[in-house]
Protein backbone atom coordinates (compact mmCIF):
# COMPACT_ATOMS: atom_id res chain seq x y z
CA MET A 1 -48.94 -7.20 -10.08
CA LEU A 2 -48.88 -6.24 -6.44
CA PHE A 3 -51.19 -3.54 -5.20
CA CYS A 4 -49.39 -1.01 -3.02
CA ALA A 5 -51.60 1.34 -1.07
CA PRO A 6 -50.21 4.80 -0.57
CA VAL A 7 -48.56 5.05 2.82
CA LEU A 8 -49.78 7.90 4.98
CA ARG A 9 -47.13 10.23 6.31
CA GLU A 10 -48.19 9.45 9.88
CA SER A 11 -47.99 5.71 9.23
CA SER A 12 -44.44 5.89 7.97
CA ILE A 13 -43.28 8.11 10.83
CA ILE A 14 -45.05 6.06 13.52
CA GLY A 15 -43.77 2.81 11.99
CA SER A 16 -40.21 4.16 11.89
CA LEU A 17 -40.46 5.36 15.50
CA PHE A 18 -41.67 1.94 16.65
CA ALA A 19 -38.71 0.34 14.85
CA ALA A 20 -36.30 2.84 16.46
CA SER A 21 -37.77 1.97 19.86
CA GLY A 22 -37.15 -1.70 19.11
CA ILE A 23 -33.53 -0.98 18.21
CA LEU A 24 -33.04 0.94 21.47
CA GLY A 25 -34.59 -2.00 23.32
CA ILE A 26 -32.03 -4.30 21.72
CA ILE A 27 -29.26 -1.95 22.89
CA ILE A 28 -30.57 -2.22 26.45
CA LEU A 29 -30.88 -6.01 26.19
CA THR A 30 -27.34 -6.26 24.90
CA LEU A 31 -25.57 -3.83 27.23
CA ASP A 32 -27.55 -3.73 30.49
CA ILE A 33 -25.79 -6.34 32.61
CA VAL A 34 -27.77 -5.35 35.70
CA LEU A 35 -31.10 -5.95 33.94
CA ARG A 36 -29.99 -9.32 32.61
CA THR A 37 -28.54 -10.64 35.87
CA GLY A 38 -30.54 -8.79 38.53
CA ALA A 39 -34.03 -8.62 37.07
CA PRO A 40 -34.59 -11.52 34.65
CA PRO A 41 -38.40 -11.06 34.50
CA HIS A 42 -37.89 -7.46 33.34
CA TYR A 43 -35.27 -8.63 30.86
CA TYR A 44 -37.75 -11.09 29.33
CA ALA A 45 -40.51 -8.46 29.37
CA LEU A 46 -38.24 -6.14 27.41
CA ILE A 47 -37.72 -8.89 24.82
CA VAL A 48 -41.51 -9.01 24.39
CA PHE A 49 -41.63 -5.20 24.13
CA VAL A 50 -38.95 -5.25 21.42
CA ILE A 51 -40.89 -7.86 19.46
CA ILE A 52 -44.09 -5.82 19.76
CA ASP A 53 -42.23 -2.67 18.67
CA PHE A 54 -40.89 -4.36 15.54
CA VAL A 55 -44.24 -5.98 14.70
CA LEU A 56 -46.06 -2.66 15.11
CA GLY A 57 -43.32 -0.91 13.16
CA ALA A 58 -43.74 -3.29 10.24
CA LEU A 59 -47.53 -3.34 10.38
CA ALA A 60 -47.85 0.45 10.67
CA PHE A 61 -47.13 0.90 6.97
CA PRO A 62 -49.99 -1.19 5.54
CA MET A 63 -52.29 -0.76 8.55
CA PRO A 64 -55.40 1.37 8.03
CA LYS A 65 -55.29 4.67 9.87
CA SER A 66 -58.49 3.73 11.73
CA ILE A 67 -56.58 0.87 13.41
CA LEU A 68 -53.09 2.37 13.59
CA VAL A 69 -53.99 5.56 15.41
CA PRO A 70 -55.81 4.00 18.40
CA LEU A 71 -53.22 1.21 18.59
CA ALA A 72 -50.35 3.74 18.57
CA ILE A 73 -52.06 5.77 21.30
CA LEU A 74 -52.66 2.68 23.42
CA TRP A 75 -49.17 1.19 23.03
CA SER A 76 -47.26 4.44 23.53
CA ALA A 77 -49.37 5.49 26.55
CA LEU A 78 -48.94 2.04 28.09
CA ARG A 79 -45.16 2.18 27.51
CA ILE A 80 -44.88 5.62 29.11
CA LEU A 81 -46.85 4.50 32.17
CA LEU A 82 -44.88 1.26 32.55
CA GLN A 83 -41.51 2.97 32.17
CA LEU A 84 -42.32 5.68 34.68
CA GLY A 85 -43.96 3.07 36.91
CA ASP A 86 -40.68 1.16 37.06
CA VAL A 87 -39.47 3.77 39.54
CA TYR A 88 -41.96 2.41 42.07
CA LEU A 89 -40.14 -0.93 42.02
CA ALA A 90 -37.12 0.68 43.72
CA PRO A 91 -37.60 -1.01 47.13
CA MET A 92 -37.61 -4.40 45.40
CA TYR A 93 -33.99 -3.72 44.34
CA GLN A 94 -32.85 -2.08 47.60
CA PHE A 95 -32.90 1.44 46.12
CA SER A 96 -34.67 4.56 47.25
CA TYR A 97 -37.14 5.94 44.70
CA ALA A 98 -34.76 8.82 43.93
CA GLN A 99 -31.80 6.46 43.44
CA PHE A 100 -33.75 4.19 41.13
CA ALA A 101 -35.09 7.12 39.10
CA ASP A 102 -31.50 8.37 38.85
CA TYR A 103 -30.33 4.91 37.74
CA LEU A 104 -33.07 4.54 35.12
CA LEU A 105 -33.43 8.06 33.75
CA ASN A 106 -30.31 10.18 34.42
CA PRO A 107 -27.75 9.73 31.63
CA LEU A 108 -25.07 11.43 33.75
CA SER A 109 -25.59 9.22 36.77
CA PRO A 110 -22.52 7.29 37.96
CA LEU A 111 -24.79 4.63 39.51
CA PRO A 112 -25.18 2.35 36.43
CA VAL A 113 -21.39 2.27 35.93
CA SER A 114 -20.81 1.51 39.60
CA LEU A 115 -23.10 -1.51 39.20
CA GLY A 116 -21.20 -2.83 36.18
CA ASN A 117 -23.00 -1.27 33.21
CA PRO A 118 -21.36 0.77 30.45
CA ALA A 119 -21.70 4.55 30.84
CA GLY A 120 -25.19 5.76 29.91
CA ILE A 121 -26.80 2.32 30.04
CA PRO A 122 -29.75 2.10 30.68
CA PRO A 123 -30.63 5.84 30.99
CA VAL A 124 -29.77 7.03 27.46
CA PRO A 125 -31.82 4.40 25.58
CA ILE A 126 -34.64 4.58 28.15
CA ASP A 127 -34.84 8.36 27.81
CA LEU A 128 -34.85 8.07 24.01
CA ILE A 129 -37.58 5.41 24.15
CA LEU A 130 -39.66 7.70 26.39
CA LEU A 131 -39.19 10.56 23.92
CA ILE A 132 -40.19 8.27 21.06
CA ASP A 133 -43.28 7.12 22.96
CA ILE A 134 -44.25 10.74 23.65
CA ALA A 135 -43.72 11.64 19.97
CA VAL A 136 -45.84 8.67 18.82
CA LEU A 137 -48.56 9.54 21.32
CA LEU A 138 -48.70 13.19 20.23
CA MET A 139 -48.60 12.32 16.53
CA ALA A 140 -51.32 9.69 16.90
CA ILE A 141 -53.54 12.06 18.89
CA ARG A 142 -53.03 14.69 16.20
CA ALA A 143 -53.92 12.12 13.50
CA TRP A 144 -57.07 10.98 15.34
CA PRO A 145 -59.98 11.30 12.92
CA LYS A 146 -62.07 14.39 13.53
CA ARG A 147 -65.84 13.93 13.40
């Protein structure tokens, strides 16, 4: 008979959020033509991020809280910093910082469509991933063991 440890509420929520982030990453990989053709290293990095999201999502359920909480804090904080740090790559793609922030984060921006992407791609999934990362970070901080 298999032993099934009770799953903590935080573990199931954090695991589900990591999986949702992975799904949003797949949406970007599938629909963001500009990422695929204009920034292949970032495209491949996103593939790695999606894999990590799904692995963490699956492992969050059986993972002990003492490991899950610091790992969730580390991964979500790193993701937030990297996503916001992408704006500083604007000159590399012949954008101003404001234009690139608009392209990446503004779901109403006409810029992605003018470059060949479907409406809302990549800003909508990126914004949702950022919100997920913030939610995971706050939940993990709240779940941090008190001494």
